[in-house]
Amino acid sequence: MFTVGIKNFGRQNRGGESVNAAGLDIINLGLVYNVDIQDQGKKVDIDMTLTTPACPAGPQIIEQARHEIGALRDVYQDLEEVNINLVWSPFWNPSMMTEEAREELGFF
């Protein structure tokens, strides 16, 4: 269950802060590349990216991701360390979005 909670961290409702102006979350946008749960749930490393290195919302997106994972400590009390790694390889492109996201944004 811990794994499910961690891997769904970026899927807030459309009114949550983890969604962008188009109403899509970081999971559906394909921004989360990897979630690595270590030490029996004590440490979580997340590799994620942004749509562009110049993304003006980048700092807010990363901070919100860190906040959402940290909030899981209320349920998973063994969680001690959360690391968000901003990566640029592979470089993000629209094919990384879910089908739902591509349809909503008009990528066919």
Foldseek 3Di string as FASTA:
>chain_A
DLVVQLVCLFVDALVDPQADPLSDHQVQQLFWDDWDADDPRQEIETEGEDLDPPPPCVVVNVVSSVVSNVVCCVVVVSHHYYHYHYDCVVPDDNVSGDPVVCVSVVND
